[in-house]
N, C-alpha and C. Protein backbone atom coordinates (compact mmCIF):
# COMPACT_ATOMS: atom_id res chain seq x y z
N MET A 1 12.27 5.46 -7.61
CA MET A 1 12.50 3.88 -7.75
C MET A 1 13.19 3.53 -6.40
N TYR A 2 12.40 2.41 -5.78
CA TYR A 2 13.17 1.75 -4.62
C TYR A 2 12.90 0.24 -5.06
N ARG A 3 14.05 -0.21 -5.00
CA ARG A 3 14.07 -1.62 -5.46
C ARG A 3 14.93 -2.41 -4.43
N GLU A 4 14.15 -3.39 -4.06
CA GLU A 4 14.75 -4.52 -2.83
C GLU A 4 15.27 -3.71 -1.41
N CYS A 5 14.58 -2.64 -1.08
CA CYS A 5 14.87 -2.03 -0.03
C CYS A 5 14.19 -2.50 1.24
N VAL A 6 14.74 -2.35 2.44
CA VAL A 6 13.90 -2.54 3.54
C VAL A 6 13.56 -1.35 4.46
N PHE A 7 12.49 -1.21 4.57
CA PHE A 7 11.94 -0.19 5.55
C PHE A 7 11.48 -0.65 6.98
N GLU A 8 12.26 -0.27 7.86
CA GLU A 8 11.92 -0.98 8.99
C GLU A 8 11.49 0.44 10.16
N GLY A 9 10.38 0.41 10.74
CA GLY A 9 9.98 1.37 11.73
C GLY A 9 9.75 2.86 11.09
N VAL A 10 9.58 2.82 9.72
CA VAL A 10 9.61 4.01 8.99
C VAL A 10 8.30 4.70 9.31
N ARG A 11 8.19 6.08 9.47
CA ARG A 11 6.94 6.39 9.65
C ARG A 11 6.38 7.35 8.12
N PHE A 12 5.50 6.46 7.54
CA PHE A 12 5.00 6.81 6.19
C PHE A 12 3.81 7.66 6.63
N ARG A 13 3.60 8.63 7.36
CA ARG A 13 2.62 9.45 7.83
C ARG A 13 2.75 10.88 7.14
N VAL A 14 1.64 11.48 6.62
CA VAL A 14 1.60 12.82 6.20
C VAL A 14 1.99 13.92 7.23
N ARG A 15 1.59 13.59 8.35
CA ARG A 15 1.87 14.69 9.57
C ARG A 15 3.32 14.31 9.95
N ALA A 16 4.07 13.53 9.55
CA ALA A 16 5.53 13.33 9.85
C ALA A 16 6.25 13.81 8.61
N GLY A 17 5.38 14.32 7.66
CA GLY A 17 6.21 14.92 6.43
C GLY A 17 6.58 13.81 5.41
N PHE A 18 6.02 12.62 5.46
CA PHE A 18 6.36 11.72 4.33
C PHE A 18 5.27 11.49 3.34
N LEU A 19 5.65 11.97 2.14
CA LEU A 19 4.61 11.24 1.03
C LEU A 19 5.35 10.57 0.07
N VAL A 20 4.61 9.56 -0.33
CA VAL A 20 5.57 8.80 -1.53
C VAL A 20 5.35 9.30 -2.84
N GLY A 21 4.22 10.13 -3.16
CA GLY A 21 4.13 10.87 -4.68
C GLY A 21 4.13 9.64 -5.53
N ALA A 22 4.74 9.76 -6.49
CA ALA A 22 4.61 8.73 -7.50
C ALA A 22 5.91 7.78 -7.62
N ALA A 23 6.16 7.40 -6.25
CA ALA A 23 7.28 6.47 -6.17
C ALA A 23 6.82 4.98 -6.86
N ARG A 24 7.93 4.26 -7.17
CA ARG A 24 7.73 2.81 -7.41
C ARG A 24 8.49 2.14 -6.47
N PHE A 25 7.87 1.12 -5.69
CA PHE A 25 8.37 0.04 -4.95
C PHE A 25 8.69 -1.20 -5.58
N GLU A 26 9.82 -1.83 -5.69
CA GLU A 26 9.66 -3.20 -6.21
C GLU A 26 10.47 -3.97 -5.19
N ARG A 27 9.85 -5.32 -4.84
CA ARG A 27 10.36 -6.30 -3.98
C ARG A 27 10.94 -5.56 -2.82
N CYS A 28 10.30 -4.54 -2.38
CA CYS A 28 10.51 -3.99 -0.89
C CYS A 28 9.87 -4.70 0.34
N THR A 29 10.56 -4.48 1.39
CA THR A 29 9.88 -5.03 2.70
C THR A 29 9.56 -3.90 3.76
N PHE A 30 8.32 -4.07 4.14
CA PHE A 30 7.84 -2.77 5.10
C PHE A 30 7.79 -3.58 6.36
N ILE A 31 8.68 -3.53 7.44
CA ILE A 31 8.57 -3.95 8.64
C ILE A 31 8.24 -3.15 9.96
N ARG A 32 6.99 -3.41 10.39
CA ARG A 32 6.58 -2.63 11.70
C ARG A 32 6.79 -1.04 11.32
N CYS A 33 6.16 -0.72 10.05
CA CYS A 33 6.13 0.87 9.65
C CYS A 33 4.82 1.28 10.25
N ASP A 34 4.96 2.63 10.52
CA ASP A 34 3.63 3.35 10.76
C ASP A 34 2.98 4.02 9.56
N PHE A 35 1.66 3.49 9.21
CA PHE A 35 1.12 3.88 8.08
C PHE A 35 -0.24 4.93 8.40
N GLY A 36 -0.12 4.97 9.76
CA GLY A 36 -1.20 5.93 10.03
C GLY A 36 -1.42 7.19 9.22
N GLU A 37 -2.61 7.39 8.78
CA GLU A 37 -3.08 8.42 8.03
C GLU A 37 -2.17 8.49 6.39
N HIS A 38 -1.93 7.32 6.10
CA HIS A 38 -1.02 7.23 4.93
C HIS A 38 -2.00 7.17 3.73
N ARG A 39 -1.73 7.86 2.48
CA ARG A 39 -2.42 7.89 1.45
C ARG A 39 -1.56 7.75 0.29
N SER A 40 -1.68 6.48 -0.27
CA SER A 40 -0.77 6.30 -1.31
C SER A 40 -1.56 6.37 -2.72
N PHE A 41 -1.58 7.59 -3.10
CA PHE A 41 -2.67 8.07 -4.43
C PHE A 41 -2.00 7.50 -5.76
N CYS A 42 -0.60 7.64 -5.67
CA CYS A 42 0.21 7.46 -7.16
C CYS A 42 1.38 6.59 -7.11
N ALA A 43 1.43 6.05 -6.15
CA ALA A 43 2.72 4.91 -6.02
C ALA A 43 2.32 3.49 -6.49
N ASP A 44 3.48 2.84 -7.01
CA ASP A 44 3.52 1.60 -7.48
C ASP A 44 3.89 0.71 -6.51
N TYR A 45 3.26 -0.54 -6.14
CA TYR A 45 3.95 -1.62 -5.35
C TYR A 45 3.93 -2.75 -5.89
N LEU A 46 4.97 -3.30 -6.20
CA LEU A 46 5.18 -4.61 -7.07
C LEU A 46 6.03 -5.55 -6.03
N ASP A 47 5.45 -6.63 -5.81
CA ASP A 47 6.15 -7.76 -5.08
C ASP A 47 6.78 -7.36 -3.74
N CYS A 48 5.96 -6.47 -3.14
CA CYS A 48 6.55 -6.10 -1.93
C CYS A 48 5.87 -6.95 -0.59
N SER A 49 6.59 -6.88 0.39
CA SER A 49 5.98 -7.52 1.68
C SER A 49 5.83 -6.60 2.81
N PHE A 50 4.51 -6.95 3.57
CA PHE A 50 4.30 -6.13 4.64
C PHE A 50 4.35 -6.90 5.84
N VAL A 51 4.97 -6.58 6.90
CA VAL A 51 5.26 -7.31 8.21
C VAL A 51 4.74 -6.41 9.30
N GLY A 52 3.98 -7.35 10.20
CA GLY A 52 3.57 -6.31 11.24
C GLY A 52 2.38 -5.49 11.00
N PRO A 53 2.04 -4.68 12.13
CA PRO A 53 0.60 -3.98 11.82
C PRO A 53 0.89 -2.95 10.73
N VAL A 54 -0.35 -2.71 10.04
CA VAL A 54 -0.45 -1.62 9.09
C VAL A 54 -1.70 -1.11 9.41
N LYS A 55 -1.74 0.33 9.99
CA LYS A 55 -2.83 0.85 10.52
C LYS A 55 -3.25 2.10 9.61
N GLY A 56 -4.67 2.10 9.36
CA GLY A 56 -4.96 3.60 8.78
C GLY A 56 -4.39 3.96 7.32
N ALA A 57 -4.02 3.09 6.49
CA ALA A 57 -3.50 3.34 5.42
C ALA A 57 -4.51 3.17 4.10
N VAL A 58 -4.29 3.94 3.13
CA VAL A 58 -5.13 3.74 1.99
C VAL A 58 -4.44 3.58 0.70
N PHE A 59 -4.34 2.56 -0.09
CA PHE A 59 -3.73 2.41 -1.12
C PHE A 59 -4.62 2.56 -2.47
N TYR A 60 -4.27 3.17 -3.43
CA TYR A 60 -5.05 3.52 -4.91
C TYR A 60 -4.33 2.81 -5.94
N GLY A 61 -5.32 2.10 -6.90
CA GLY A 61 -5.11 1.44 -8.04
C GLY A 61 -5.06 2.44 -9.03
N GLN A 62 -5.56 3.62 -8.90
CA GLN A 62 -5.64 4.70 -9.77
C GLN A 62 -5.67 6.17 -8.97
N ALA A 63 -5.07 6.98 -9.38
CA ALA A 63 -5.03 8.28 -8.62
C ALA A 63 -6.40 8.89 -8.73
N PRO A 64 -7.08 9.24 -7.67
CA PRO A 64 -8.49 10.12 -7.70
C PRO A 64 -8.18 11.26 -8.54
N GLU A 65 -9.50 11.70 -9.15
CA GLU A 65 -9.80 12.90 -9.65
C GLU A 65 -9.33 14.00 -8.80
N GLY A 66 -8.76 15.22 -9.21
CA GLY A 66 -8.34 16.22 -8.47
C GLY A 66 -6.94 16.22 -7.74
N ASN A 67 -6.28 15.05 -8.06
CA ASN A 67 -4.93 14.78 -7.18
C ASN A 67 -4.00 15.29 -8.53
N HIS A 68 -2.94 15.67 -8.13
CA HIS A 68 -1.85 16.02 -9.01
C HIS A 68 -1.77 14.96 -10.25
N TYR A 69 -1.85 13.73 -10.04
CA TYR A 69 -1.78 12.87 -10.89
C TYR A 69 -2.89 12.13 -11.40
N ASP A 70 -3.86 13.06 -11.51
CA ASP A 70 -5.19 12.75 -11.77
C ASP A 70 -5.38 11.56 -12.70
N GLY A 71 -5.85 10.55 -12.34
CA GLY A 71 -6.38 9.33 -13.12
C GLY A 71 -4.91 8.49 -13.34
N LYS A 72 -3.89 8.72 -13.02
CA LYS A 72 -2.81 7.76 -13.04
C LYS A 72 -3.01 6.44 -12.68
N ARG A 73 -2.66 5.38 -13.47
CA ARG A 73 -3.04 4.05 -13.26
C ARG A 73 -1.88 3.43 -12.51
N ASN A 74 -1.81 3.11 -11.35
CA ASN A 74 -0.95 2.58 -10.44
C ASN A 74 -0.76 0.98 -10.31
N MET A 75 0.49 0.55 -10.39
CA MET A 75 0.63 -1.05 -10.40
C MET A 75 0.66 -1.47 -8.95
N PHE A 76 -0.30 -2.47 -8.72
CA PHE A 76 -0.15 -2.90 -7.30
C PHE A 76 -0.52 -4.29 -7.51
N GLU A 77 0.52 -5.06 -7.44
CA GLU A 77 0.42 -6.63 -7.66
C GLU A 77 1.55 -7.31 -6.98
N GLY A 78 1.21 -8.61 -6.88
CA GLY A 78 2.33 -9.56 -6.00
C GLY A 78 2.64 -9.18 -4.66
N ASN A 79 1.94 -8.33 -4.11
CA ASN A 79 2.29 -7.98 -2.71
C ASN A 79 1.97 -9.07 -1.75
N ASP A 80 2.68 -9.25 -0.81
CA ASP A 80 2.26 -10.17 0.30
C ASP A 80 2.19 -9.57 1.54
N PHE A 81 0.85 -9.96 2.16
CA PHE A 81 0.37 -9.34 3.28
C PHE A 81 0.08 -10.63 4.15
N THR A 82 0.69 -11.77 4.09
CA THR A 82 0.49 -12.78 4.92
C THR A 82 1.18 -12.51 6.30
N GLU A 83 2.12 -11.75 6.51
CA GLU A 83 2.67 -11.50 7.71
C GLU A 83 2.33 -10.14 8.55
N ALA A 84 1.07 -9.56 7.74
CA ALA A 84 0.70 -8.26 8.02
C ALA A 84 -0.59 -8.30 8.81
N VAL A 85 -0.79 -7.39 9.91
CA VAL A 85 -1.99 -7.18 10.57
C VAL A 85 -2.60 -5.89 10.19
N LEU A 86 -3.78 -6.09 9.47
CA LEU A 86 -4.39 -4.90 8.79
C LEU A 86 -5.63 -4.24 9.77
N HIS A 87 -5.31 -2.87 10.03
CA HIS A 87 -6.51 -2.37 10.87
C HIS A 87 -6.82 -1.07 10.16
N ASN A 88 -8.07 -0.82 9.67
CA ASN A 88 -8.47 0.39 9.24
C ASN A 88 -7.73 0.59 7.83
N VAL A 89 -7.55 -0.30 7.08
CA VAL A 89 -6.80 -0.29 5.87
C VAL A 89 -7.69 -0.33 4.74
N GLY A 90 -7.35 0.42 3.56
CA GLY A 90 -8.46 0.28 2.52
C GLY A 90 -7.49 0.30 1.20
N PHE A 91 -8.37 -0.38 0.05
CA PHE A 91 -7.72 -0.53 -1.19
C PHE A 91 -8.74 0.06 -2.10
N ARG A 92 -8.42 0.92 -2.82
CA ARG A 92 -9.40 1.75 -3.69
C ARG A 92 -8.76 1.81 -5.04
N GLY A 93 -9.69 2.33 -5.86
CA GLY A 93 -9.24 2.39 -7.26
C GLY A 93 -8.90 1.30 -8.03
N GLY A 94 -9.61 0.19 -7.94
CA GLY A 94 -9.63 -0.95 -8.79
C GLY A 94 -8.41 -1.98 -8.44
N ILE A 95 -7.75 -1.88 -7.11
CA ILE A 95 -6.90 -2.77 -7.02
C ILE A 95 -7.42 -4.12 -6.91
N ASP A 96 -6.66 -5.07 -7.47
CA ASP A 96 -7.27 -6.64 -7.70
C ASP A 96 -6.53 -7.40 -6.44
N ALA A 97 -7.53 -7.86 -5.41
CA ALA A 97 -7.21 -8.56 -4.48
C ALA A 97 -6.68 -9.92 -4.75
N THR A 98 -7.23 -10.42 -5.96
CA THR A 98 -6.45 -11.62 -6.25
C THR A 98 -5.05 -11.60 -6.83
N LEU A 99 -4.48 -10.54 -6.85
CA LEU A 99 -3.15 -10.56 -7.25
C LEU A 99 -2.24 -10.18 -6.39
N GLN A 100 -2.73 -10.45 -4.97
CA GLN A 100 -1.99 -10.21 -3.60
C GLN A 100 -2.01 -11.22 -3.00
N ARG A 101 -1.08 -11.68 -1.90
CA ARG A 101 -0.97 -12.81 -1.26
C ARG A 101 -1.54 -12.26 0.15
N TRP A 102 -2.52 -13.24 0.66
CA TRP A 102 -3.13 -12.94 2.13
C TRP A 102 -2.90 -14.11 2.98
N SER A 103 -3.06 -14.08 4.18
CA SER A 103 -3.02 -15.10 5.20
C SER A 103 -4.15 -16.07 4.75
N ALA A 104 -3.82 -17.37 5.09
CA ALA A 104 -4.94 -18.28 4.83
C ALA A 104 -6.29 -18.09 5.56
N GLY A 105 -7.38 -18.00 4.80
CA GLY A 105 -8.71 -17.89 5.42
C GLY A 105 -8.91 -16.41 5.44
N PHE A 106 -8.04 -15.16 5.21
CA PHE A 106 -8.43 -14.11 5.22
C PHE A 106 -9.11 -13.62 3.84
N ASP A 107 -10.19 -12.92 4.03
CA ASP A 107 -11.18 -12.34 3.05
C ASP A 107 -10.85 -10.98 2.77
N PRO A 108 -10.16 -10.48 1.79
CA PRO A 108 -9.78 -8.91 1.63
C PRO A 108 -10.90 -8.24 1.02
N THR A 109 -11.90 -8.87 0.64
CA THR A 109 -12.98 -8.17 -0.13
C THR A 109 -13.65 -6.91 0.54
N SER A 110 -13.62 -6.95 1.99
CA SER A 110 -14.23 -5.93 2.63
C SER A 110 -13.21 -4.62 2.67
N LEU A 111 -11.86 -5.02 2.42
CA LEU A 111 -10.99 -3.91 2.37
C LEU A 111 -10.95 -3.11 0.79
N MET A 112 -11.46 -3.66 -0.16
CA MET A 112 -11.76 -3.27 -1.45
C MET A 112 -12.80 -2.20 -1.79
N ASN A 113 -12.55 -1.13 -1.83
CA ASN A 113 -13.51 0.09 -2.27
C ASN A 113 -13.27 0.56 -3.46
N GLY A 114 -14.22 0.34 -4.47
CA GLY A 114 -14.09 0.93 -5.73
C GLY A 114 -12.95 0.71 -6.55
């Protein structure tokens, strides 16, 4: 459980040895973090803020089959992406785009896959 933490410049990359597993992030801020190759299969993100570039990350609303947490439903809501620049980011497993905050005029539907 991470509550009201600030992660600045953290490398959330599998190759860097960082896996979030079934962590829960509540009201955390991610500032200019390296999300390249990041796959968040089982973590919860509630009311978090993302600032700066977010590249190559995939967030899941439900753990995919064959994963250690096979079928776990993840909470992903109230997150603020208004200050994020998204590049090659995906939201899968039923994440509801309407429960997140986006920059004015940004349409997140192209990022939502299944």
